[in-house]
C-alpha atoms as a PDB file:
ATOM      1  CA  MET A   1      73.050 116.178  96.715  1.00  0.00           C
ATOM      2  CA  TYR A   2      74.943 114.712  99.535  1.00  0.00           C
ATOM      3  CA  THR A   3      78.368 113.275  99.246  1.00  0.00           C
ATOM      4  CA  VAL A   4      80.647 111.480 101.444  1.00  0.00           C
ATOM      5  CA  SER A   5      84.321 110.500 100.808  1.00  0.00           C
ATOM      6  CA  LYS A   6      86.626 107.947 102.474  1.00  0.00           C
ATOM      7  CA  ARG A   7      90.227 107.588 102.548  1.00  0.00           C
ATOM      8  CA  LEU A   8      91.735 103.713 103.106  1.00  0.00           C
ATOM      9  CA  GLU A   9      95.067 102.614 103.144  1.00  0.00           C
ATOM     10  CA  VAL A  10      95.312  99.126 102.199  1.00  0.00           C
ATOM     11  CA  SER A  11      98.839  96.962 101.846  1.00  0.00           C
ATOM     12  CA  ALA A  12      98.563  93.980 100.045  1.00  0.00           C
ATOM     13  CA  SER A  13     100.191  91.688  97.175  1.00  0.00           C
ATOM     14  CA  HIS A  14      99.127  91.015  93.687  1.00  0.00           C
ATOM     15  CA  GLN A  15     100.387  89.912  90.277  1.00  0.00           C
ATOM     16  CA  LEU A  16      99.402  91.366  86.910  1.00  0.00           C
ATOM     17  CA  LYS A  17      98.302  89.137  84.049  1.00  0.00           C
ATOM     18  CA  LEU A  18      99.998  90.903  80.787  1.00  0.00           C
ATOM     19  CA  ASP A  19     100.561  89.814  77.063  1.00  0.00           C
ATOM     20  CA  TYR A  20     104.166  91.692  77.485  1.00  0.00           C
ATOM     21  CA  PRO A  21     107.209  90.993  79.709  1.00  0.00           C
ATOM     22  CA  SER A  22     107.224  93.255  82.703  1.00  0.00           C
ATOM     23  CA  LYS A  23     108.571  93.054  86.321  1.00  0.00           C
ATOM     24  CA  CYS A  24     104.563  93.413  87.395  1.00  0.00           C
ATOM     25  CA  GLN A  25     103.483  90.245  86.422  1.00  0.00           C
ATOM     26  CA  ASN A  26     105.982  89.059  89.498  1.00  0.00           C
ATOM     27  CA  LEU A  27     104.135  88.850  92.775  1.00  0.00           C
ATOM     28  CA  HIS A  28     104.848  92.195  94.393  1.00  0.00           C
ATOM     29  CA  GLY A  29     102.984  94.749  96.931  1.00  0.00           C
ATOM     30  CA  HIS A  30     101.930  98.188  97.460  1.00  0.00           C
ATOM     31  CA  ASN A  31     100.577 100.358 100.384  1.00  0.00           C
ATOM     32  CA  TRP A  32      97.457 101.547  97.993  1.00  0.00           C
ATOM     33  CA  ILE A  33      95.950 104.609  98.791  1.00  0.00           C
ATOM     34  CA  ILE A  34      92.504 104.402  97.829  1.00  0.00           C
ATOM     35  CA  ILE A  35      89.860 106.926  97.928  1.00  0.00           C
ATOM     36  CA  VAL A  36      85.903 105.931  97.723  1.00  0.00           C
ATOM     37  CA  HIS A  37      83.078 108.734  96.913  1.00  0.00           C
ATOM     38  CA  CYS A  38      79.393 108.187  97.352  1.00  0.00           C
ATOM     39  CA  ARG A  39      76.361 110.162  97.163  1.00  0.00           C
ATOM     40  CA  SER A  40      72.687 109.983  97.167  1.00  0.00           C
ATOM     41  CA  LYS A  41      70.034 112.940  96.848  1.00  0.00           C
ATOM     42  CA  GLU A  42      68.178 111.297 100.270  1.00  0.00           C
ATOM     43  CA  LEU A  43      70.053 110.232 103.645  1.00  0.00           C
ATOM     44  CA  ASP A  44      68.994 106.785 104.890  1.00  0.00           C
ATOM     45  CA  HIS A  45      66.994 106.440 107.849  1.00  0.00           C
ATOM     46  CA  ASN A  46      70.199 106.795 109.966  1.00  0.00           C
ATOM     47  CA  GLY A  47      71.421 110.324 108.084  1.00  0.00           C
ATOM     48  CA  MET A  48      74.123 108.796 105.904  1.00  0.00           C
ATOM     49  CA  VAL A  49      74.555 108.285 102.376  1.00  0.00           C
ATOM     50  CA  ILE A  50      76.576 104.911 103.523  1.00  0.00           C
ATOM     51  CA  ASP A  51      78.312 104.311 107.192  1.00  0.00           C
ATOM     52  CA  PHE A  52      81.764 105.244 106.693  1.00  0.00           C
ATOM     53  CA  THR A  53      82.287 101.905 108.750  1.00  0.00           C
ATOM     54  CA  ILE A  54      80.732  99.863 105.928  1.00  0.00           C
ATOM     55  CA  ILE A  55      82.853 101.155 103.418  1.00  0.00           C
ATOM     56  CA  LYS A  56      86.058 100.310 105.836  1.00  0.00           C
ATOM     57  CA  GLU A  57      84.382  96.644 106.245  1.00  0.00           C
ATOM     58  CA  LYS A  58      83.671  95.977 102.724  1.00  0.00           C
ATOM     59  CA  ILE A  59      86.855  97.166 101.189  1.00  0.00           C
ATOM     60  CA  HIS A  60      89.842  97.872 104.022  1.00  0.00           C
ATOM     61  CA  GLY A  61      88.550  94.442 105.615  1.00  0.00           C
ATOM     62  CA  ARG A  62      88.469  92.453 102.083  1.00  0.00           C
ATOM     63  CA  LEU A  63      91.721  93.720 100.862  1.00  0.00           C
ATOM     64  CA  ASP A  64      94.317  94.949 103.859  1.00  0.00           C
ATOM     65  CA  HIS A  65      96.909  92.402 103.921  1.00  0.00           C
ATOM     66  CA  GLN A  66      95.690  89.867 101.510  1.00  0.00           C
ATOM     67  CA  HIS A  67      96.564  88.845  97.735  1.00  0.00           C
ATOM     68  CA  ILE A  68      94.413  90.697  95.918  1.00  0.00           C
ATOM     69  CA  ASN A  69      94.302  88.159  92.909  1.00  0.00           C
ATOM     70  CA  ASP A  70      92.751  86.068  95.035  1.00  0.00           C
ATOM     71  CA  VAL A  71      89.840  88.369  96.389  1.00  0.00           C
ATOM     72  CA  MET A  72      89.247  89.582  92.944  1.00  0.00           C
ATOM     73  CA  GLY A  73      89.176  86.110  91.699  1.00  0.00           C
ATOM     74  CA  ASP A  74      89.243  86.250  87.606  1.00  0.00           C
ATOM     75  CA  ILE A  75      89.598  89.927  87.146  1.00  0.00           C
ATOM     76  CA  ASN A  76      93.000  91.036  86.367  1.00  0.00           C
ATOM     77  CA  SER A  77      94.349  92.986  89.571  1.00  0.00           C
ATOM     78  CA  THR A  78      95.242  96.287  87.965  1.00  0.00           C
ATOM     79  CA  ALA A  79      94.521  99.436  89.841  1.00  0.00           C
ATOM     80  CA  GLU A  80      92.078 100.105  86.939  1.00  0.00           C
ATOM     81  CA  ASN A  81      89.896  96.971  87.578  1.00  0.00           C
ATOM     82  CA  MET A  82      90.387  97.359  91.222  1.00  0.00           C
ATOM     83  CA  ALA A  83      88.708 101.108  91.281  1.00  0.00           C
ATOM     84  CA  LYS A  84      85.528  99.414  89.153  1.00  0.00           C
ATOM     85  CA  TRP A  85      85.571  96.486  91.754  1.00  0.00           C
ATOM     86  CA  ILE A  86      85.489  98.410  94.955  1.00  0.00           C
ATOM     87  CA  ALA A  87      82.940 100.480  92.990  1.00  0.00           C
ATOM     88  CA  ASP A  88      80.925  97.538  92.347  1.00  0.00           C
ATOM     89  CA  GLU A  89      81.116  96.168  95.825  1.00  0.00           C
ATOM     90  CA  LEU A  90      79.818  99.466  97.465  1.00  0.00           C
ATOM     91  CA  GLY A  91      76.873  99.327  94.988  1.00  0.00           C
ATOM     92  CA  GLU A  92      75.144 102.393  93.411  1.00  0.00           C
ATOM     93  CA  THR A  93      75.967 105.171  95.859  1.00  0.00           C
ATOM     94  CA  CYS A  94      79.494 104.833  95.179  1.00  0.00           C
ATOM     95  CA  PHE A  95      80.287 107.091  91.766  1.00  0.00           C
ATOM     96  CA  LYS A  96      84.200 107.261  92.014  1.00  0.00           C
ATOM     97  CA  VAL A  97      86.916 105.493  93.412  1.00  0.00           C
ATOM     98  CA  GLU A  98      90.493 106.648  93.047  1.00  0.00           C
ATOM     99  CA  VAL A  99      93.329 103.631  93.576  1.00  0.00           C
ATOM    100  CA  GLN A 100      96.652 105.425  94.037  1.00  0.00           C
ATOM    101  CA  GLU A 101      99.108 102.198  93.361  1.00  0.00           C
ATOM    102  CA  SER A 102     102.429 104.283  94.050  1.00  0.00           C
ATOM    103  CA  GLU A 103     103.642 107.482  93.811  1.00  0.00           C
ATOM    104  CA  GLY A 104     102.462 109.368  90.839  1.00  0.00           C
ATOM    105  CA  ASN A 105     100.304 106.224  89.465  1.00  0.00           C
ATOM    106  CA  ILE A 106      96.532 106.763  90.422  1.00  0.00           C
ATOM    107  CA  ALA A 107      93.753 105.245  88.602  1.00  0.00           C
ATOM    108  CA  THR A 108      90.104 106.555  88.386  1.00  0.00           C
ATOM    109  CA  TYR A 109      86.641 104.779  87.746  1.00  0.00           C
ATOM    110  CA  GLU A 110      83.432 106.928  87.745  1.00  0.00           C
ATOM    111  CA  ARG A 111      80.249 105.981  87.209  1.00  0.00           C
ATOM    112  CA  ASP A 112      78.141 107.219  83.985  1.00  0.00           C
END
């Protein structure tokens, strides 16, 4: 099994939709740290699991300096939902995504 990981830093705004009062319902921003993990039993014709540039384009290129709510559509832009959204954007080789929203607050999505 081959595994690659890529660390990305994304600066963006978001606004949570919650059923309780919270300051996170207000428009605010973070400097997210995102770590993407991909794996495959076999390498592609270029000898890669996935090109690091593709990960950067699909994730950093879409999220950096954006309003996350606009990018993710109707999905509530929690760190947990962002992690799953990122995994889905990258496809089946992506088995784990970690989204660090702020110091000490990390959400992880792992495929079964």
